[in-house]
C-alpha cells in the first residue's frame, strides 16, 4: 500500500518494512542506513536511545499531526526535523459506530453460529433509547456524536476542557466528571489522548461504577484501559461487554490475556487489530502527504513541523 498510495520522490531508494521489531539493537541496525524515516502513527517508538543510534538520520515523517512516541527533544538536539501529516477524524468515529453496532446486535457471534450450522444464539439491543457516554469530547468525540445522534441515542459527554455551556450549545448531555459519565451511560466510548493523566484511567473502580449491562469501547490507546480488571469484570458479569481496538502491545503477542476465547465466543468481548484509523482514504492521504513532506524538505519548502508531540507549523 505504501508504494501504491503515494508519488514517492524520483531517485529516492524507498524501503518498506512490514514487520515489527521489538529488540532495540535489531531495530537500530535495521534503521541505521536511512536518512529519512517514515513511521506509521505510533507503531515504532523513536526514543532518545534509538535516535542516538541513527547517525545518518535527518528527517522523521509521521502519519498524523501528533506522535507522542517520538522523542522530539532528542531529535531537535540532533538537528533532525520531525513533521507530520493531516488525519481524518471521521475514520475512527465511523469505526466506533461499527463496533457499537457489532456489540449491541451480537453480529460476530451470531454470524459465526450461522456459518457453523447454528441459528440465533442470543438477543441484542436497539441503540434507540440507550445513552452513549463519550469520554473525551474533542474532534473525534464530536464526530462520533454526530454519527450516533440519528440512531436515537441519548448523548452524554465528558472531558476536562468541556463546560456545561459548551455541552448545552452542542445539544449533548454534560457529565461534570468521569464518574458521572460512567454511572449515566449504557455505552462508554473512550476517545482520550494517552498522557500521564489518562494512563490506566479505566480500572476496577471505574468498571464498578458502570451499569452491569454497560459496554466499553476503546479505540484511543490501549494503556488508557487496564485490561486485567476489565476481563475480570466481564467474566464476573459486572460489565455487559467490551470492544478493544487498541492494546498495550501491538501487534498482540501470542497468548495475550485479551485473547480470551470464552469471552470472545460469547460475544461479550470484541478484539480488533487497531483498525480505527485504517481506511483506504486515510492511507492515501497519509502516504501522499508523507511523500510531499519529503519532497518539500529536500526543496527547503515549508512542512508540517511537530514540536512537543503535535503539529505546530502548518504548511504555507
C-alpha atoms as a PDB file:
ATOM      1  CA  UNK A   1       0.000   0.000   0.000  1.00  0.00           C
ATOM      2  CA  UNK A   2       2.739   2.494   0.893  1.00  0.00           C
ATOM      3  CA  UNK A   3       4.262   2.201  -2.581  1.00  0.00           C
ATOM      4  CA  UNK A   4       0.925   2.345  -4.390  1.00  0.00           C
ATOM      5  CA  UNK A   5      -0.694   5.206  -2.493  1.00  0.00           C
ATOM      6  CA  UNK A   6       1.900   7.950  -2.960  1.00  0.00           C
ATOM      7  CA  UNK A   7       4.067   9.641  -5.620  1.00  0.00           C
ATOM      8  CA  UNK A   8       7.400   8.978  -3.907  1.00  0.00           C
ATOM      9  CA  UNK A   9      10.230  11.321  -4.970  1.00  0.00           C
ATOM     10  CA  UNK A  10      12.012  10.051  -8.054  1.00  0.00           C
ATOM     11  CA  UNK A  11      15.525   8.815  -7.494  1.00  0.00           C
ATOM     12  CA  UNK A  12      14.957   8.020  -3.821  1.00  0.00           C
ATOM     13  CA  UNK A  13      15.587   4.496  -2.596  1.00  0.00           C
ATOM     14  CA  UNK A  14      12.369   3.670  -0.718  1.00  0.00           C
ATOM     15  CA  UNK A  15      12.363   0.592   1.542  1.00  0.00           C
ATOM     16  CA  UNK A  16       9.134  -0.673   3.138  1.00  0.00           C
ATOM     17  CA  UNK A  17       9.123  -2.858   6.257  1.00  0.00           C
ATOM     18  CA  UNK A  18       6.025  -4.937   7.003  1.00  0.00           C
ATOM     19  CA  UNK A  19       7.030  -6.454  10.346  1.00  0.00           C
ATOM     20  CA  UNK A  20       7.621  -5.086  13.834  1.00  0.00           C
ATOM     21  CA  UNK A  21      10.948  -5.351  15.641  1.00  0.00           C
ATOM     22  CA  UNK A  22      10.776  -5.055  19.417  1.00  0.00           C
ATOM     23  CA  UNK A  23      14.505  -5.582  20.072  1.00  0.00           C
ATOM     24  CA  UNK A  24      16.171  -2.124  20.243  1.00  0.00           C
ATOM     25  CA  UNK A  25      19.505  -3.327  18.878  1.00  0.00           C
ATOM     26  CA  UNK A  26      17.909  -5.103  15.930  1.00  0.00           C
ATOM     27  CA  UNK A  27      15.735  -2.078  15.193  1.00  0.00           C
ATOM     28  CA  UNK A  28      18.716   0.290  15.326  1.00  0.00           C
ATOM     29  CA  UNK A  29      20.680  -1.961  12.951  1.00  0.00           C
ATOM     30  CA  UNK A  30      17.743  -2.041  10.527  1.00  0.00           C
ATOM     31  CA  UNK A  31      17.230   1.724  10.501  1.00  0.00           C
ATOM     32  CA  UNK A  32      20.858   2.879  10.649  1.00  0.00           C
ATOM     33  CA  UNK A  33      21.345   3.200   6.834  1.00  0.00           C
ATOM     34  CA  UNK A  34      18.456   5.640   6.309  1.00  0.00           C
ATOM     35  CA  UNK A  35      18.438   9.449   6.087  1.00  0.00           C
ATOM     36  CA  UNK A  36      14.638   9.641   6.319  1.00  0.00           C
ATOM     37  CA  UNK A  37      12.237   7.578   8.416  1.00  0.00           C
ATOM     38  CA  UNK A  38       8.505   7.445   7.634  1.00  0.00           C
ATOM     39  CA  UNK A  39       6.615   5.996  10.589  1.00  0.00           C
ATOM     40  CA  UNK A  40       3.007   4.833  10.722  1.00  0.00           C
ATOM     41  CA  UNK A  41       1.410   6.527  13.712  1.00  0.00           C
ATOM     42  CA  UNK A  42       2.991   5.288  16.982  1.00  0.00           C
ATOM     43  CA  UNK A  43       3.720   1.791  15.762  1.00  0.00           C
ATOM     44  CA  UNK A  44       7.508   2.195  16.089  1.00  0.00           C
ATOM     45  CA  UNK A  45       8.557   4.348  19.073  1.00  0.00           C
ATOM     46  CA  UNK A  46      11.577   6.549  18.388  1.00  0.00           C
ATOM     47  CA  UNK A  47      13.073   7.245  21.808  1.00  0.00           C
ATOM     48  CA  UNK A  48      16.283   9.074  22.582  1.00  0.00           C
ATOM     49  CA  UNK A  49      18.324   5.867  22.615  1.00  0.00           C
ATOM     50  CA  UNK A  50      17.177   4.796  19.177  1.00  0.00           C
ATOM     51  CA  UNK A  51      17.547   8.287  17.713  1.00  0.00           C
ATOM     52  CA  UNK A  52      21.080   8.448  19.097  1.00  0.00           C
ATOM     53  CA  UNK A  53      21.919   5.167  17.351  1.00  0.00           C
ATOM     54  CA  UNK A  54      20.950   6.503  13.914  1.00  0.00           C
ATOM     55  CA  UNK A  55      23.817   8.780  12.821  1.00  0.00           C
ATOM     56  CA  UNK A  56      22.529   9.323   9.275  1.00  0.00           C
ATOM     57  CA  UNK A  57      19.001  10.318  10.237  1.00  0.00           C
ATOM     58  CA  UNK A  58      17.940  13.817   9.116  1.00  0.00           C
ATOM     59  CA  UNK A  59      14.135  13.693   8.774  1.00  0.00           C
ATOM     60  CA  UNK A  60      11.272  11.858  10.505  1.00  0.00           C
ATOM     61  CA  UNK A  61       7.813  11.936   8.947  1.00  0.00           C
ATOM     62  CA  UNK A  62       4.932  10.524  10.965  1.00  0.00           C
ATOM     63  CA  UNK A  63       1.413   9.920   9.770  1.00  0.00           C
ATOM     64  CA  UNK A  64      -0.927  12.141  11.738  1.00  0.00           C
ATOM     65  CA  UNK A  65      -0.353  15.504  13.382  1.00  0.00           C
ATOM     66  CA  UNK A  66       0.563  14.022  16.768  1.00  0.00           C
ATOM     67  CA  UNK A  67       3.027  11.295  17.733  1.00  0.00           C
ATOM     68  CA  UNK A  68       3.921  11.069  21.411  1.00  0.00           C
ATOM     69  CA  UNK A  69       6.179   8.057  20.818  1.00  0.00           C
ATOM     70  CA  UNK A  70       8.820  10.253  19.160  1.00  0.00           C
ATOM     71  CA  UNK A  71      11.305  11.964  21.466  1.00  0.00           C
ATOM     72  CA  UNK A  72      11.049  15.383  19.840  1.00  0.00           C
ATOM     73  CA  UNK A  73      13.665  16.931  22.127  1.00  0.00           C
ATOM     74  CA  UNK A  74      16.230  14.247  21.275  1.00  0.00           C
ATOM     75  CA  UNK A  75      15.538  14.720  17.568  1.00  0.00           C
ATOM     76  CA  UNK A  76      15.874  18.517  17.775  1.00  0.00           C
ATOM     77  CA  UNK A  77      19.129  18.178  19.708  1.00  0.00           C
ATOM     78  CA  UNK A  78      20.477  16.213  16.769  1.00  0.00           C
ATOM     79  CA  UNK A  79      19.111  18.681  14.217  1.00  0.00           C
ATOM     80  CA  UNK A  80      16.605  16.135  12.954  1.00  0.00           C
ATOM     81  CA  UNK A  81      13.393  17.618  11.529  1.00  0.00           C
ATOM     82  CA  UNK A  82      10.147  15.948  12.664  1.00  0.00           C
ATOM     83  CA  UNK A  83       6.975  16.558  10.676  1.00  0.00           C
ATOM     84  CA  UNK A  84       3.536  15.009  10.275  1.00  0.00           C
ATOM     85  CA  UNK A  85       0.518  14.721   8.042  1.00  0.00           C
ATOM     86  CA  UNK A  86      -3.144  15.515   8.471  1.00  0.00           C
ATOM     87  CA  UNK A  87      -5.600  12.848   9.664  1.00  0.00           C
ATOM     88  CA  UNK A  88      -9.267  12.039   9.118  1.00  0.00           C
ATOM     89  CA  UNK A  89     -11.317  12.025  12.312  1.00  0.00           C
ATOM     90  CA  UNK A  90     -14.287  10.504  10.505  1.00  0.00           C
ATOM     91  CA  UNK A  91     -12.429   7.223  10.034  1.00  0.00           C
ATOM     92  CA  UNK A  92     -12.199   6.456  13.750  1.00  0.00           C
ATOM     93  CA  UNK A  93     -15.663   7.796  14.542  1.00  0.00           C
ATOM     94  CA  UNK A  94     -17.197   5.541  11.896  1.00  0.00           C
ATOM     95  CA  UNK A  95     -15.306   2.564  13.300  1.00  0.00           C
ATOM     96  CA  UNK A  96     -16.613   3.260  16.803  1.00  0.00           C
ATOM     97  CA  UNK A  97     -20.125   3.063  15.373  1.00  0.00           C
ATOM     98  CA  UNK A  98     -19.255  -0.239  13.690  1.00  0.00           C
ATOM     99  CA  UNK A  99     -18.031  -1.682  16.998  1.00  0.00           C
ATOM    100  CA  UNK A 100     -21.076  -0.307  18.785  1.00  0.00           C
ATOM    101  CA  UNK A 101     -23.480  -1.959  16.376  1.00  0.00           C
ATOM    102  CA  UNK A 102     -21.497  -5.196  16.376  1.00  0.00           C
ATOM    103  CA  UNK A 103     -21.637  -5.442  20.178  1.00  0.00           C
ATOM    104  CA  UNK A 104     -25.224  -4.380  20.719  1.00  0.00           C
ATOM    105  CA  UNK A 105     -26.591  -6.652  17.971  1.00  0.00           C
ATOM    106  CA  UNK A 106     -24.152  -9.532  18.651  1.00  0.00           C
ATOM    107  CA  UNK A 107     -23.152  -9.597  14.990  1.00  0.00           C
ATOM    108  CA  UNK A 108     -19.890 -11.534  15.313  1.00  0.00           C
ATOM    109  CA  UNK A 109     -21.070 -14.486  17.484  1.00  0.00           C
ATOM    110  CA  UNK A 110     -24.340 -14.752  15.542  1.00  0.00           C
ATOM    111  CA  UNK A 111     -22.524 -14.762  12.197  1.00  0.00           C
ATOM    112  CA  UNK A 112     -20.112 -17.401  13.482  1.00  0.00           C
ATOM    113  CA  UNK A 113     -23.011 -19.520  14.755  1.00  0.00           C
ATOM    114  CA  UNK A 114     -24.865 -19.268  11.439  1.00  0.00           C
ATOM    115  CA  UNK A 115     -21.833 -20.376   9.420  1.00  0.00           C
ATOM    116  CA  UNK A 116     -21.324 -23.284  11.848  1.00  0.00           C
ATOM    117  CA  UNK A 117     -24.882 -24.512  11.398  1.00  0.00           C
ATOM    118  CA  UNK A 118     -26.461 -22.766  14.356  1.00  0.00           C
ATOM    119  CA  UNK A 119     -29.189 -20.131  14.446  1.00  0.00           C
ATOM    120  CA  UNK A 120     -29.973 -17.150  16.708  1.00  0.00           C
ATOM    121  CA  UNK A 121     -27.903 -17.947  19.751  1.00  0.00           C
ATOM    122  CA  UNK A 122     -28.776 -14.805  21.705  1.00  0.00           C
ATOM    123  CA  UNK A 123     -30.576 -11.492  21.571  1.00  0.00           C
ATOM    124  CA  UNK A 124     -29.241  -7.998  21.010  1.00  0.00           C
ATOM    125  CA  UNK A 125     -30.363  -4.492  21.907  1.00  0.00           C
ATOM    126  CA  UNK A 126     -31.547  -1.482  19.928  1.00  0.00           C
ATOM    127  CA  UNK A 127     -29.453   1.661  20.118  1.00  0.00           C
ATOM    128  CA  UNK A 128     -32.507   3.928  20.265  1.00  0.00           C
ATOM    129  CA  UNK A 129     -33.097   4.988  23.847  1.00  0.00           C
ATOM    130  CA  UNK A 130     -29.651   3.992  25.128  1.00  0.00           C
ATOM    131  CA  UNK A 131     -27.211   6.567  26.483  1.00  0.00           C
ATOM    132  CA  UNK A 132     -23.832   6.847  24.764  1.00  0.00           C
ATOM    133  CA  UNK A 133     -21.187   8.352  27.015  1.00  0.00           C
ATOM    134  CA  UNK A 134     -18.271   9.933  25.174  1.00  0.00           C
ATOM    135  CA  UNK A 135     -15.127  10.158  27.310  1.00  0.00           C
ATOM    136  CA  UNK A 136     -13.042  12.774  25.537  1.00  0.00           C
ATOM    137  CA  UNK A 137     -15.157  15.261  23.633  1.00  0.00           C
ATOM    138  CA  UNK A 138     -12.618  16.511  21.108  1.00  0.00           C
ATOM    139  CA  UNK A 139     -12.511  16.268  17.336  1.00  0.00           C
ATOM    140  CA  UNK A 140     -13.277  12.541  17.140  1.00  0.00           C
ATOM    141  CA  UNK A 141     -15.741  12.651  20.040  1.00  0.00           C
ATOM    142  CA  UNK A 142     -17.764  15.343  18.309  1.00  0.00           C
ATOM    143  CA  UNK A 143     -17.799  13.412  15.022  1.00  0.00           C
ATOM    144  CA  UNK A 144     -18.953  10.330  16.921  1.00  0.00           C
ATOM    145  CA  UNK A 145     -21.801  12.310  18.479  1.00  0.00           C
ATOM    146  CA  UNK A 146     -22.930  13.492  15.038  1.00  0.00           C
ATOM    147  CA  UNK A 147     -22.918   9.928  13.683  1.00  0.00           C
ATOM    148  CA  UNK A 148     -24.698   8.440  16.708  1.00  0.00           C
ATOM    149  CA  UNK A 149     -27.453  11.039  17.042  1.00  0.00           C
ATOM    150  CA  UNK A 150     -29.608   9.728  14.117  1.00  0.00           C
ATOM    151  CA  UNK A 151     -29.751   6.302  15.810  1.00  0.00           C
ATOM    152  CA  UNK A 152     -31.819   7.790  18.610  1.00  0.00           C
ATOM    153  CA  UNK A 153     -29.244   7.503  21.380  1.00  0.00           C
ATOM    154  CA  UNK A 154     -29.005   9.975  24.227  1.00  0.00           C
ATOM    155  CA  UNK A 155     -25.597  11.672  24.249  1.00  0.00           C
ATOM    156  CA  UNK A 156     -23.566  12.307  27.384  1.00  0.00           C
ATOM    157  CA  UNK A 157     -20.096  13.859  27.151  1.00  0.00           C
ATOM    158  CA  UNK A 158     -17.160  14.476  29.454  1.00  0.00           C
ATOM    159  CA  UNK A 159     -13.708  15.879  29.013  1.00  0.00           C
ATOM    160  CA  UNK A 160     -11.526  18.050  31.205  1.00  0.00           C
ATOM    161  CA  UNK A 161     -11.996  21.024  28.882  1.00  0.00           C
ATOM    162  CA  UNK A 162     -15.750  20.665  28.265  1.00  0.00           C
ATOM    163  CA  UNK A 163     -18.057  23.084  30.071  1.00  0.00           C
ATOM    164  CA  UNK A 164     -21.772  22.805  30.743  1.00  0.00           C
ATOM    165  CA  UNK A 165     -22.358  25.791  28.487  1.00  0.00           C
ATOM    166  CA  UNK A 166     -20.474  24.203  25.587  1.00  0.00           C
ATOM    167  CA  UNK A 167     -22.361  20.935  26.030  1.00  0.00           C
ATOM    168  CA  UNK A 168     -25.704  22.750  26.034  1.00  0.00           C
ATOM    169  CA  UNK A 169     -24.750  24.657  22.889  1.00  0.00           C
ATOM    170  CA  UNK A 170     -23.863  21.397  21.139  1.00  0.00           C
ATOM    171  CA  UNK A 171     -27.008  19.667  22.417  1.00  0.00           C
ATOM    172  CA  UNK A 172     -25.247  16.911  24.341  1.00  0.00           C
ATOM    173  CA  UNK A 173     -25.658  15.949  27.962  1.00  0.00           C
ATOM    174  CA  UNK A 174     -22.963  17.224  30.295  1.00  0.00           C
ATOM    175  CA  UNK A 175     -21.132  14.975  32.745  1.00  0.00           C
ATOM    176  CA  UNK A 176     -19.201  17.081  35.295  1.00  0.00           C
ATOM    177  CA  UNK A 177     -16.700  14.279  35.850  1.00  0.00           C
ATOM    178  CA  UNK A 178     -15.805  10.813  34.622  1.00  0.00           C
ATOM    179  CA  UNK A 179     -17.698   9.134  37.467  1.00  0.00           C
ATOM    180  CA  UNK A 180     -20.933  10.806  36.379  1.00  0.00           C
ATOM    181  CA  UNK A 181     -20.342   9.723  32.796  1.00  0.00           C
ATOM    182  CA  UNK A 182     -19.775   6.095  33.819  1.00  0.00           C
ATOM    183  CA  UNK A 183     -22.826   5.966  36.060  1.00  0.00           C
ATOM    184  CA  UNK A 184     -25.097   7.541  33.476  1.00  0.00           C
ATOM    185  CA  UNK A 185     -24.141   5.627  30.333  1.00  0.00           C
ATOM    186  CA  UNK A 186     -25.216   2.370  28.723  1.00  0.00           C
ATOM    187  CA  UNK A 187     -22.220   2.571  26.393  1.00  0.00           C
ATOM    188  CA  UNK A 188     -18.918   4.348  27.043  1.00  0.00           C
ATOM    189  CA  UNK A 189     -16.591   5.242  24.178  1.00  0.00           C
ATOM    190  CA  UNK A 190     -13.006   6.126  25.110  1.00  0.00           C
ATOM    191  CA  UNK A 191     -11.744   8.943  22.877  1.00  0.00           C
ATOM    192  CA  UNK A 192      -8.999  10.382  25.069  1.00  0.00           C
ATOM    193  CA  UNK A 193      -5.382  11.191  24.302  1.00  0.00           C
ATOM    194  CA  UNK A 194      -2.883   8.971  26.120  1.00  0.00           C
ATOM    195  CA  UNK A 195      -0.996  11.000  28.721  1.00  0.00           C
ATOM    196  CA  UNK A 196       0.247  10.627  32.257  1.00  0.00           C
ATOM    197  CA  UNK A 197      -3.207  11.675  33.487  1.00  0.00           C
ATOM    198  CA  UNK A 198      -5.119   9.179  31.332  1.00  0.00           C
ATOM    199  CA  UNK A 199      -2.802   6.160  31.533  1.00  0.00           C
ATOM    200  CA  UNK A 200      -4.690   3.466  33.447  1.00  0.00           C
ATOM    201  CA  UNK A 201      -7.649   5.810  33.889  1.00  0.00           C
ATOM    202  CA  UNK A 202     -10.176   2.978  33.487  1.00  0.00           C
ATOM    203  CA  UNK A 203      -9.626   0.356  36.160  1.00  0.00           C
ATOM    204  CA  UNK A 204     -11.555  -1.765  38.675  1.00  0.00           C
ATOM    205  CA  UNK A 205     -13.006   1.266  40.450  1.00  0.00           C
ATOM    206  CA  UNK A 206     -14.310   2.761  37.216  1.00  0.00           C
ATOM    207  CA  UNK A 207     -15.788  -0.521  35.975  1.00  0.00           C
ATOM    208  CA  UNK A 208     -17.619  -0.901  39.291  1.00  0.00           C
ATOM    209  CA  UNK A 209     -19.341   2.435  38.644  1.00  0.00           C
ATOM    210  CA  UNK A 210     -20.716   1.269  35.302  1.00  0.00           C
ATOM    211  CA  UNK A 211     -24.048  -0.441  34.834  1.00  0.00           C
ATOM    212  CA  UNK A 212     -23.800  -4.264  34.831  1.00  0.00           C
ATOM    213  CA  UNK A 213     -25.037  -4.426  31.223  1.00  0.00           C
ATOM    214  CA  UNK A 214     -22.953  -1.465  30.027  1.00  0.00           C
ATOM    215  CA  UNK A 215     -20.499  -1.651  27.143  1.00  0.00           C
ATOM    216  CA  UNK A 216     -16.994  -0.178  26.941  1.00  0.00           C
ATOM    217  CA  UNK A 217     -15.348   0.734  23.620  1.00  0.00           C
ATOM    218  CA  UNK A 218     -11.675   1.719  23.373  1.00  0.00           C
ATOM    219  CA  UNK A 219     -10.383   2.985  20.038  1.00  0.00           C
ATOM    220  CA  UNK A 220      -7.959   5.506  21.534  1.00  0.00           C
ATOM    221  CA  UNK A 221      -4.843   3.945  23.118  1.00  0.00           C
ATOM    222  CA  UNK A 222      -4.505   0.622  24.895  1.00  0.00           C
ATOM    223  CA  UNK A 223      -2.854   1.775  28.149  1.00  0.00           C
ATOM    224  CA  UNK A 224      -5.821   4.029  28.998  1.00  0.00           C
ATOM    225  CA  UNK A 225      -7.825   0.904  29.904  1.00  0.00           C
ATOM    226  CA  UNK A 226      -6.484  -1.618  32.416  1.00  0.00           C
ATOM    227  CA  UNK A 227      -7.069  -4.991  30.768  1.00  0.00           C
ATOM    228  CA  UNK A 228      -6.869  -7.326  33.783  1.00  0.00           C
ATOM    229  CA  UNK A 229      -9.713  -5.720  35.797  1.00  0.00           C
ATOM    230  CA  UNK A 230     -11.733  -5.293  32.603  1.00  0.00           C
ATOM    231  CA  UNK A 231     -11.555  -9.010  31.854  1.00  0.00           C
ATOM    232  CA  UNK A 232     -12.372  -9.809  35.475  1.00  0.00           C
ATOM    233  CA  UNK A 233     -15.472  -7.602  35.336  1.00  0.00           C
ATOM    234  CA  UNK A 234     -16.611  -9.250  32.092  1.00  0.00           C
ATOM    235  CA  UNK A 235     -16.117 -12.768  33.458  1.00  0.00           C
ATOM    236  CA  UNK A 236     -17.969 -11.924  36.673  1.00  0.00           C
ATOM    237  CA  UNK A 237     -20.909 -10.402  34.803  1.00  0.00           C
ATOM    238  CA  UNK A 238     -20.304  -6.946  36.279  1.00  0.00           C
ATOM    239  CA  UNK A 239     -19.970  -5.485  32.786  1.00  0.00           C
ATOM    240  CA  UNK A 240     -22.017  -6.298  29.712  1.00  0.00           C
ATOM    241  CA  UNK A 241     -19.323  -6.235  27.047  1.00  0.00           C
ATOM    242  CA  UNK A 242     -16.267  -4.526  25.634  1.00  0.00           C
ATOM    243  CA  UNK A 243     -14.668  -3.820  22.290  1.00  0.00           C
ATOM    244  CA  UNK A 244     -10.910  -3.224  22.258  1.00  0.00           C
ATOM    245  CA  UNK A 245      -9.290  -1.963  19.070  1.00  0.00           C
ATOM    246  CA  UNK A 246      -6.088  -0.768  20.758  1.00  0.00           C
ATOM    247  CA  UNK A 247      -3.717  -2.676  23.001  1.00  0.00           C
ATOM    248  CA  UNK A 248      -0.753  -2.206  25.325  1.00  0.00           C
ATOM    249  CA  UNK A 249       1.490  -4.168  22.943  1.00  0.00           C
ATOM    250  CA  UNK A 250       0.823  -4.192  19.206  1.00  0.00           C
ATOM    251  CA  UNK A 251       0.692  -6.499  17.336  1.00  0.00           C
ATOM    252  CA  UNK A 252      -0.872  -8.647  20.052  1.00  0.00           C
ATOM    253  CA  UNK A 253       1.618 -11.257  21.299  1.00  0.00           C
ATOM    254  CA  UNK A 254       0.666 -14.918  21.323  1.00  0.00           C
ATOM    255  CA  UNK A 255      -1.213 -15.770  24.490  1.00  0.00           C
ATOM    256  CA  UNK A 256      -2.158 -12.175  25.309  1.00  0.00           C
ATOM    257  CA  UNK A 257      -4.763 -12.186  28.131  1.00  0.00           C
ATOM    258  CA  UNK A 258      -7.206 -10.223  25.985  1.00  0.00           C
ATOM    259  CA  UNK A 259      -7.458 -13.188  23.620  1.00  0.00           C
ATOM    260  CA  UNK A 260      -9.913 -14.861  25.984  1.00  0.00           C
ATOM    261  CA  UNK A 261     -11.675 -17.420  23.828  1.00  0.00           C
ATOM    262  CA  UNK A 262     -14.683 -17.853  26.111  1.00  0.00           C
ATOM    263  CA  UNK A 263     -15.401 -14.123  26.278  1.00  0.00           C
ATOM    264  CA  UNK A 264     -14.863 -13.667  22.545  1.00  0.00           C
ATOM    265  CA  UNK A 265     -17.036 -16.623  21.549  1.00  0.00           C
ATOM    266  CA  UNK A 266     -19.817 -15.440  23.846  1.00  0.00           C
ATOM    267  CA  UNK A 267     -19.892 -12.061  22.095  1.00  0.00           C
ATOM    268  CA  UNK A 268     -19.044 -10.147  25.257  1.00  0.00           C
ATOM    269  CA  UNK A 269     -15.565  -9.234  24.033  1.00  0.00           C
ATOM    270  CA  UNK A 270     -14.666  -7.982  20.563  1.00  0.00           C
ATOM    271  CA  UNK A 271     -10.952  -7.663  19.781  1.00  0.00           C
ATOM    272  CA  UNK A 272      -9.754  -5.918  16.619  1.00  0.00           C
ATOM    273  CA  UNK A 273      -6.210  -5.080  15.372  1.00  0.00           C
ATOM    274  CA  UNK A 274      -6.142  -1.261  15.684  1.00  0.00           C
ATOM    275  CA  UNK A 275      -8.434  -0.614  12.737  1.00  0.00           C
ATOM    276  CA  UNK A 276      -9.855   2.696  13.929  1.00  0.00           C
ATOM    277  CA  UNK A 277      -7.687   4.791  11.618  1.00  0.00           C
ATOM    278  CA  UNK A 278      -7.313   2.209   8.840  1.00  0.00           C
ATOM    279  CA  UNK A 279      -9.158   3.016   5.632  1.00  0.00           C
ATOM    280  CA  UNK A 280      -8.172   3.452   2.008  1.00  0.00           C
ATOM    281  CA  UNK A 281      -8.898   7.179   2.053  1.00  0.00           C
ATOM    282  CA  UNK A 282      -6.851   7.709   5.220  1.00  0.00           C
ATOM    283  CA  UNK A 283      -3.878   5.728   3.963  1.00  0.00           C
ATOM    284  CA  UNK A 284      -3.891   7.521   0.620  1.00  0.00           C
ATOM    285  CA  UNK A 285      -3.786  10.846   2.469  1.00  0.00           C
ATOM    286  CA  UNK A 286      -1.114   9.629   4.905  1.00  0.00           C
ATOM    287  CA  UNK A 287       1.276   8.355   2.257  1.00  0.00           C
ATOM    288  CA  UNK A 288       0.656  11.163  -0.234  1.00  0.00           C
ATOM    289  CA  UNK A 289       1.388  13.813   2.380  1.00  0.00           C
ATOM    290  CA  UNK A 290       4.382  11.823   3.638  1.00  0.00           C
ATOM    291  CA  UNK A 291       5.869  11.849   0.143  1.00  0.00           C
ATOM    292  CA  UNK A 292       5.034  15.539  -0.222  1.00  0.00           C
ATOM    293  CA  UNK A 293       6.780  16.296   3.080  1.00  0.00           C
ATOM    294  CA  UNK A 294       9.960  14.587   1.896  1.00  0.00           C
ATOM    295  CA  UNK A 295       9.901  16.489  -1.384  1.00  0.00           C
ATOM    296  CA  UNK A 296       9.263  19.800   0.429  1.00  0.00           C
ATOM    297  CA  UNK A 297      12.067  19.136   2.918  1.00  0.00           C
ATOM    298  CA  UNK A 298      14.512  18.391   0.113  1.00  0.00           C
ATOM    299  CA  UNK A 299      13.456  21.595  -1.638  1.00  0.00           C
ATOM    300  CA  UNK A 300      13.644  23.706   1.515  1.00  0.00           C
ATOM    301  CA  UNK A 301       9.920  24.465   1.407  1.00  0.00           C
ATOM    302  CA  UNK A 302       7.604  24.769   4.479  1.00  0.00           C
ATOM    303  CA  UNK A 303       6.461  21.495   6.063  1.00  0.00           C
ATOM    304  CA  UNK A 304       4.219  20.482   8.970  1.00  0.00           C
ATOM    305  CA  UNK A 305       6.771  20.606  11.793  1.00  0.00           C
ATOM    306  CA  UNK A 306       5.936  18.752  15.019  1.00  0.00           C
ATOM    307  CA  UNK A 307       7.078  20.000  18.420  1.00  0.00           C
ATOM    308  CA  UNK A 308       6.211  18.586  21.847  1.00  0.00           C
ATOM    309  CA  UNK A 309       4.421  15.698  20.181  1.00  0.00           C
ATOM    310  CA  UNK A 310       1.982  17.621  17.993  1.00  0.00           C
ATOM    311  CA  UNK A 311       1.916  19.743  14.855  1.00  0.00           C
ATOM    312  CA  UNK A 312       2.642  23.439  15.391  1.00  0.00           C
ATOM    313  CA  UNK A 313       3.666  24.715  11.977  1.00  0.00           C
ATOM    314  CA  UNK A 314       1.174  24.226   9.139  1.00  0.00           C
ATOM    315  CA  UNK A 315       2.332  24.394   5.514  1.00  0.00           C
ATOM    316  CA  UNK A 316       2.194  27.784   3.791  1.00  0.00           C
END
